[in-house]
Structure formats: structure tokens, C-alpha cells
Amino acid sequence: MTSSTEPAAGDGGYHRVLRGAGAAGADALRTPELRSGEWTRFTDDAALGDTVAEDILASLAGDVREAARSQGYAIGWAEGRRAAAAEHERVLAELHQAAAEAEQRRSVEHAAAVRALAAAARGLDEELAARVVSIEEQSLALAAELTELLVGHELAVAEDPVRDLVRRALTLQPVGAPVTLRIAPGQLAPEHRAMLAEAGVGVAEDFTLAPGDALVESPRQVVDLRISTALERIREALS
């Protein structure tokens, strides 16, 4: 049963009020939400539009933003420092590698230069040694040739070279032993033979001897007075 003491909309401007079972089955009146809030809209309906809650949530949001900004800056700074450190290490490694390679090249070039200098020094020593040997040989040959020329000159200008030869033979005569002077044919004059005979020295002409050569023979030794033998002894002394 429904009843109403208030007039309906058509009855003098009054709304009709439902009561009892009719009120229980009626739909609720839908009204728009007039409350609003920038931060409380994310909460339950009880806090929506609450100014204190808005202020608290806005402050918390600002703190969160600042913390996030600071954290992002710190993370970016740390990452930047790590990246810079890694780049620094990479550049240092490249520099060390380049320096090591340059040092290795210098060592190789230095060793090659030392080997080249050593080879050049050995070549120079060998060339100098060869030149010294050549000069020595030429000097020896020149000295022997000069000696031979001097001997020939002395024999040519000597007043009596055979007499000088006889005197040398007499000085080499051993005491108390028979001596024979072997000499080239036609070299001794009568006075030379007389000198030898007086000293007890025999004479034997030897066709194998050249003019100016002589051999003094005794039972114990033979003294070679040949000019060629004297020149050979000079060559041996010079060498």
C-alpha cells in the first residue's frame, strides 16, 4: 500500500514520495559527482577533493619528483664518469700500445743499424788488412829489389871485388882445418891466388857459380858467399 501526504508534480508542485514496498523496488536517483581533486582523485571517494589530502599528496609528489630527478642525475653522473673512465682507459691502452710498437720498431731499426755498422766495420777492417798485406808485400819486394841494386852497384864500383871476396873467405877459415874456395872460373887474378896459397886455402873453379859468388868449404862446414843467398837472407829478414 502506498500513501503520500505530499502533492505530486501535477498536484500543485509537490513530488510524489514512495514508501513501503514501492520504495524498496524503486531505482536510486543518479546525481553527478561534483567533487574534484588533482591528487585525491586517485584515492577512495572519502578523500576526494579534501584540501588537506591534496596538499599532502602534492608535497609528496614534489618530493618524489625531486628525488627521482636527483637519482636520475646521480645515475647519469655515475654512468658518465664510468664511461669517461672507460674511454680514458681505452685511450691510455692505445697510447701504451702505440708506444710499445714504436719502441719495438726503434729497437729493430737500432739493431739493424748496429748490424750494418758492424758489417761495414768488418768490411773496412778486411779491406785495410788486405791493403796492409799488399803494401807490405810491395815494400818487401821493393826493399829486396833495392838491396839487389845496391849490391850490384857496390860490386860494379868496387875497386877489386874479388879481393874483397878472398879476404872474406880468409876470415871464415877455421883454424887448423883444410879449406877450399870454390869460385866461378876466371875470377881470380894471380895475386889473389898467391894470397890464398899463402894462407893455405885451396882453389876450385865451379861453373855452377855466378861471377862474384863463392863457397868456402871445410870438413866441418860450408859457408855460402853467393850473392843470391845473401839477398834471400835479406828478404827473410824483411818479411
Protein backbone atom coordinates (compact mmCIF):
# COMPACT_ATOMS: atom_id res chain seq x y z
CA MET A 1 0.00 0.00 0.00
CA THR A 2 1.40 3.39 -0.90
CA SER A 3 0.43 6.69 0.51
CA SER A 4 1.69 10.22 0.33
CA THR A 5 0.75 13.38 2.13
CA GLU A 6 2.82 15.46 -0.35
CA PRO A 7 1.25 16.61 -3.62
CA ALA A 8 2.55 15.11 -6.87
CA ALA A 9 4.26 17.15 -9.53
CA GLY A 10 0.98 17.67 -11.22
CA ASP A 11 -0.78 18.43 -7.97
CA GLY A 12 0.34 21.88 -7.02
CA GLY A 13 4.12 21.26 -7.50
CA TYR A 14 4.67 18.50 -4.97
CA HIS A 15 6.77 15.37 -5.72
CA ARG A 16 5.37 12.01 -5.12
CA VAL A 17 7.09 10.10 -2.31
CA LEU A 18 7.20 6.34 -2.45
CA ARG A 19 7.04 4.38 0.72
CA GLY A 20 6.93 0.78 1.77
CA ALA A 21 7.32 -1.94 -0.86
CA GLY A 22 7.24 0.55 -3.69
CA ALA A 23 10.14 2.47 -2.27
CA ALA A 24 12.21 -0.72 -1.95
CA GLY A 25 11.90 -1.58 -5.63
CA ALA A 26 12.49 1.94 -6.95
CA ASP A 27 15.85 2.91 -8.62
CA ALA A 28 18.16 5.32 -6.79
CA LEU A 29 18.38 8.80 -8.15
CA ARG A 30 21.55 9.28 -10.19
CA THR A 31 23.30 12.62 -9.47
CA PRO A 32 26.64 13.86 -10.98
CA GLU A 33 29.86 13.86 -8.82
CA LEU A 34 30.64 17.49 -8.11
CA ARG A 35 33.82 16.92 -6.05
CA SER A 36 37.26 17.02 -7.79
CA GLY A 37 40.95 16.82 -6.88
CA GLU A 38 44.26 16.62 -8.75
CA TRP A 39 45.71 14.03 -6.40
CA THR A 40 42.76 12.83 -4.32
CA ARG A 41 41.07 11.56 -7.44
CA PHE A 42 43.49 8.65 -7.29
CA THR A 43 42.26 7.77 -3.74
CA ASP A 44 38.97 6.45 -2.45
CA ASP A 45 35.80 8.54 -2.58
CA ALA A 46 36.07 9.55 1.03
CA ALA A 47 39.20 11.67 0.43
CA LEU A 48 38.20 13.07 -2.95
CA GLY A 49 38.50 16.85 -3.01
CA ASP A 50 39.92 17.05 0.52
CA THR A 51 42.23 20.08 0.53
CA VAL A 52 44.49 18.77 3.28
CA ALA A 53 44.91 15.49 1.45
CA GLU A 54 45.55 17.41 -1.78
CA ASP A 55 48.31 19.44 -0.12
CA ILE A 56 49.92 16.36 1.42
CA LEU A 57 49.77 14.39 -1.80
CA ALA A 58 51.08 17.35 -3.86
CA SER A 59 54.00 17.75 -1.44
CA LEU A 60 54.74 14.04 -1.60
CA ALA A 61 54.58 14.15 -5.40
CA GLY A 62 57.02 17.07 -5.45
CA ASP A 63 59.38 15.22 -3.13
CA VAL A 64 59.14 12.13 -5.32
CA ARG A 65 59.83 14.16 -8.46
CA GLU A 66 62.82 15.86 -6.84
CA ALA A 67 64.13 12.54 -5.54
CA ALA A 68 63.67 10.97 -8.96
CA ARG A 69 65.38 13.92 -10.61
CA SER A 70 68.28 13.75 -8.14
CA GLN A 71 68.53 10.00 -8.54
CA GLY A 72 68.48 10.30 -12.32
CA TYR A 73 71.18 12.99 -12.18
CA ALA A 74 73.29 10.85 -9.87
CA ILE A 75 72.83 7.80 -12.08
CA GLY A 76 73.63 9.82 -15.18
CA TRP A 77 76.66 11.35 -13.48
CA ALA A 78 77.91 7.95 -12.35
CA GLU A 79 77.34 6.45 -15.78
CA GLY A 80 79.06 9.42 -17.38
CA ARG A 81 82.02 9.05 -15.06
CA ARG A 82 82.19 5.31 -15.76
CA ALA A 83 82.00 5.98 -19.49
CA ALA A 84 84.67 8.68 -19.22
CA ALA A 85 86.89 6.38 -17.14
CA ALA A 86 86.43 3.57 -19.66
CA GLU A 87 87.27 5.94 -22.52
CA HIS A 88 90.30 7.17 -20.59
CA GLU A 89 91.49 3.61 -20.04
CA ARG A 90 90.93 2.80 -23.70
CA VAL A 91 92.92 5.85 -24.84
CA LEU A 92 95.70 5.03 -22.37
CA ALA A 93 95.81 1.45 -23.61
CA GLU A 94 96.03 2.66 -27.21
CA LEU A 95 98.80 5.10 -26.27
CA HIS A 96 100.72 2.38 -24.41
CA GLN A 97 100.28 0.02 -27.35
CA ALA A 98 101.46 2.68 -29.80
CA ALA A 99 104.44 3.49 -27.58
CA ALA A 100 105.35 -0.20 -27.28
CA GLU A 101 105.09 -0.67 -31.04
CA ALA A 102 107.19 2.45 -31.64
CA GLU A 103 109.80 1.24 -29.15
CA GLN A 104 109.87 -2.16 -30.82
CA ARG A 105 110.35 -0.51 -34.21
CA ARG A 106 113.16 1.63 -32.79
CA SER A 107 114.78 -1.45 -31.29
CA VAL A 108 114.56 -3.32 -34.59
CA GLU A 109 115.90 -0.32 -36.51
CA HIS A 110 118.68 0.17 -33.95
CA ALA A 111 119.68 -3.48 -34.12
CA ALA A 112 119.67 -3.33 -37.93
CA ALA A 113 121.80 -0.17 -37.85
CA VAL A 114 124.25 -1.78 -35.41
CA ARG A 115 124.50 -4.87 -37.61
CA ALA A 116 125.06 -2.69 -40.67
CA LEU A 117 127.76 -0.70 -38.88
CA ALA A 118 129.41 -3.88 -37.64
CA ALA A 119 129.36 -5.34 -41.15
CA ALA A 120 130.78 -2.10 -42.55
CA ALA A 121 133.49 -2.10 -39.87
CA ARG A 122 134.38 -5.71 -40.65
CA GLY A 123 134.49 -4.91 -44.34
CA LEU A 124 136.71 -1.91 -43.65
CA ASP A 125 139.00 -3.98 -41.42
CA GLU A 126 139.26 -6.66 -44.09
CA GLU A 127 139.97 -4.08 -46.77
CA LEU A 128 142.57 -2.36 -44.59
CA ALA A 129 144.17 -5.71 -43.75
CA ALA A 130 144.31 -6.62 -47.44
CA ARG A 131 145.81 -3.23 -48.26
CA VAL A 132 148.36 -3.57 -45.46
CA VAL A 133 149.36 -7.01 -46.71
CA SER A 134 149.62 -5.68 -50.25
CA ILE A 135 151.70 -2.72 -49.10
CA GLU A 136 153.93 -4.99 -47.03
CA GLU A 137 154.44 -7.32 -49.96
CA GLN A 138 155.19 -4.41 -52.26
CA SER A 139 157.52 -2.93 -49.66
CA LEU A 140 159.34 -6.23 -49.24
CA ALA A 141 159.67 -6.66 -52.98
CA LEU A 142 160.86 -3.08 -53.32
CA ALA A 143 163.35 -3.49 -50.47
CA ALA A 144 164.71 -6.72 -51.96
CA GLU A 145 164.96 -5.12 -55.36
CA LEU A 146 166.66 -2.08 -53.89
CA THR A 147 169.09 -4.28 -51.95
CA GLU A 148 169.93 -6.22 -55.07
CA LEU A 149 170.53 -2.99 -56.94
CA LEU A 150 172.75 -1.70 -54.14
CA VAL A 151 174.74 -4.92 -54.07
CA GLY A 152 175.12 -4.80 -57.83
CA HIS A 153 176.19 -1.18 -57.61
CA GLU A 154 178.73 -1.94 -54.91
CA LEU A 155 180.18 -4.75 -56.96
CA ALA A 156 180.31 -2.55 -60.02
CA VAL A 157 182.11 0.33 -58.33
CA ALA A 158 184.32 -1.80 -56.09
CA GLU A 159 188.00 -1.43 -56.91
CA ASP A 160 188.66 -5.17 -56.58
CA PRO A 161 185.55 -7.14 -55.58
CA VAL A 162 187.31 -10.49 -55.96
CA ARG A 163 189.98 -9.44 -53.48
CA ASP A 164 187.23 -8.48 -51.03
CA LEU A 165 185.73 -11.91 -51.59
CA VAL A 166 189.09 -13.56 -50.92
CA ARG A 167 189.51 -11.58 -47.71
CA ARG A 168 186.07 -12.67 -46.53
CA ALA A 169 186.95 -16.29 -47.29
CA LEU A 170 190.16 -15.97 -45.29
CA THR A 171 188.30 -14.52 -42.27
CA LEU A 172 185.96 -17.51 -42.35
CA GLN A 173 188.83 -20.04 -42.50
CA PRO A 174 188.66 -22.39 -39.48
CA VAL A 175 191.93 -22.77 -37.58
CA GLY A 176 193.87 -25.97 -38.27
CA ALA A 177 191.48 -27.28 -40.92
CA PRO A 178 191.96 -27.51 -44.67
CA VAL A 179 189.83 -25.00 -46.61
CA THR A 180 188.85 -24.83 -50.28
CA LEU A 181 187.47 -21.76 -52.02
CA ARG A 182 185.05 -22.65 -54.78
CA ILE A 183 184.64 -19.75 -57.20
CA ALA A 184 183.43 -19.07 -60.74
CA PRO A 185 186.05 -19.64 -63.46
CA GLY A 186 188.22 -16.67 -64.50
CA GLN A 187 187.56 -14.65 -61.35
CA LEU A 188 190.93 -15.00 -59.60
CA ALA A 189 193.95 -12.98 -60.63
CA PRO A 190 197.49 -14.24 -59.90
CA GLU A 191 197.76 -12.03 -56.82
CA HIS A 192 194.51 -13.46 -55.49
CA ARG A 193 195.79 -16.98 -55.92
CA ALA A 194 199.02 -16.01 -54.17
CA MET A 195 197.08 -14.66 -51.17
CA LEU A 196 195.08 -17.85 -50.92
CA ALA A 197 198.11 -20.10 -51.33
CA GLU A 198 199.97 -18.20 -48.64
CA ALA A 199 197.04 -18.77 -46.28
CA GLY A 200 196.85 -22.45 -47.18
CA VAL A 201 193.50 -22.12 -48.96
CA GLY A 202 192.92 -24.27 -51.98
CA VAL A 203 191.04 -23.05 -55.07
CA ALA A 204 188.45 -24.91 -57.12
CA GLU A 205 186.68 -23.34 -60.08
CA ASP A 206 182.92 -24.09 -60.11
CA PHE A 207 180.92 -23.48 -63.29
CA THR A 208 177.66 -23.52 -61.30
CA LEU A 209 178.65 -20.31 -59.54
CA ALA A 210 177.98 -16.85 -60.95
CA PRO A 211 180.62 -14.12 -61.01
CA GLY A 212 181.01 -12.68 -57.52
CA ASP A 213 179.77 -15.90 -55.86
CA ALA A 214 181.88 -18.24 -53.74
CA LEU A 215 181.67 -21.18 -51.37
CA VAL A 216 184.14 -21.73 -48.53
CA GLU A 217 184.36 -25.46 -47.82
CA SER A 218 185.93 -27.16 -44.84
CA PRO A 219 185.49 -30.63 -43.35
CA ARG A 220 183.05 -29.29 -40.78
CA GLN A 221 181.05 -26.70 -42.72
CA VAL A 222 180.32 -24.92 -45.99
CA VAL A 223 179.97 -21.14 -45.91
CA ASP A 224 177.73 -19.81 -48.68
CA LEU A 225 179.05 -16.50 -50.03
CA ARG A 226 176.76 -16.35 -53.05
CA ILE A 227 175.09 -13.01 -53.70
CA SER A 228 171.72 -14.70 -54.28
CA THR A 229 171.92 -16.38 -50.87
CA ALA A 230 172.71 -13.07 -49.18
CA LEU A 231 169.73 -11.42 -50.90
CA GLU A 232 167.45 -14.28 -49.84
CA ARG A 233 168.55 -13.85 -46.21
CA ILE A 234 167.73 -10.14 -46.52
CA ARG A 235 164.26 -10.95 -47.89
CA GLU A 236 163.61 -13.34 -45.00
CA ALA A 237 164.74 -10.71 -42.51
CA LEU A 238 162.45 -8.10 -44.07
CA SER A 239 159.44 -10.42 -44.02
